[in-house]
Amino acid sequence: MFEPFFTTKPVGKGTGMGMSISHQIVTRKHAGKIICNPDVEQGAEFIIQIPLQQTASAN
């Protein structure tokens, strides 16, 4: 799901880059996590966790 160009939309209806870019920003720039809790009936819940204090390696 976080791979570039992954999409469930028909051809021409999306680039499949949104989740990949979001994942890179949260994990690489902010040393955080994205957790996906899928629900077949209602969609999915995404939890974004970003530490309050950044470490030097997160920059």
Protein backbone atom coordinates (compact mmCIF):
# COMPACT_ATOMS: atom_id res chain seq x y z
CA MET A 1 0.00 0.00 0.00
CA PHE A 2 2.90 2.38 0.65
CA GLU A 3 4.68 1.37 -2.56
CA PRO A 4 4.82 4.03 -5.30
CA PHE A 5 2.17 3.68 -8.02
CA PHE A 6 -0.02 1.33 -5.94
CA THR A 7 -3.66 2.12 -6.62
CA THR A 8 -7.03 0.43 -6.55
CA LYS A 9 -8.53 3.02 -8.89
CA PRO A 10 -9.16 2.46 -12.60
CA VAL A 11 -6.46 3.45 -15.09
CA GLY A 12 -6.29 7.21 -15.47
CA LYS A 13 -8.03 7.93 -12.15
CA GLY A 14 -5.04 8.24 -9.85
CA THR A 15 -1.27 8.16 -9.76
CA GLY A 16 -0.87 5.86 -6.78
CA MET A 17 1.65 8.23 -5.20
CA GLY A 18 -0.33 9.69 -2.27
CA MET A 19 0.31 7.01 0.35
CA SER A 20 3.92 6.57 -0.74
CA ILE A 21 4.66 10.28 -0.40
CA SER A 22 2.82 10.47 2.93
CA HIS A 23 4.79 7.49 4.25
CA GLN A 24 8.11 9.04 3.20
CA ILE A 25 7.30 12.37 4.86
CA VAL A 26 6.16 10.81 8.13
CA THR A 27 8.92 8.20 8.41
CA ARG A 28 11.94 9.89 6.84
CA LYS A 29 11.40 13.55 7.66
CA HIS A 30 9.73 13.16 11.05
CA ALA A 31 10.95 9.74 12.30
CA GLY A 32 7.33 8.70 12.74
CA LYS A 33 5.04 5.82 11.84
CA ILE A 34 1.88 5.30 9.83
CA ILE A 35 -0.32 2.45 10.99
CA CYS A 36 -3.18 1.17 8.84
CA ASN A 37 -6.17 -0.57 10.40
CA PRO A 38 -8.25 -1.83 7.47
CA ASP A 39 -11.96 -2.55 7.82
CA VAL A 40 -13.60 -4.27 4.85
CA GLU A 41 -17.03 -2.89 5.76
CA GLN A 42 -16.12 0.73 6.51
CA GLY A 43 -12.79 1.49 4.84
CA ALA A 44 -9.57 2.03 6.76
CA GLU A 45 -8.24 3.97 9.71
CA PHE A 46 -4.76 5.48 9.47
CA ILE A 47 -2.88 6.45 12.60
CA ILE A 48 0.09 8.80 12.25
CA GLN A 49 2.58 8.88 15.12
CA ILE A 50 5.26 11.58 15.18
CA PRO A 51 7.65 11.97 18.11
CA LEU A 52 7.44 15.22 20.05
CA GLN A 53 11.21 15.61 20.00
CA GLN A 54 13.17 15.01 16.82
CA THR A 55 16.50 13.21 16.80
CA ALA A 56 19.44 14.35 14.68
CA SER A 57 18.98 11.35 12.33
CA ALA A 58 15.43 12.45 11.42
CA ASN A 59 16.64 15.57 9.60
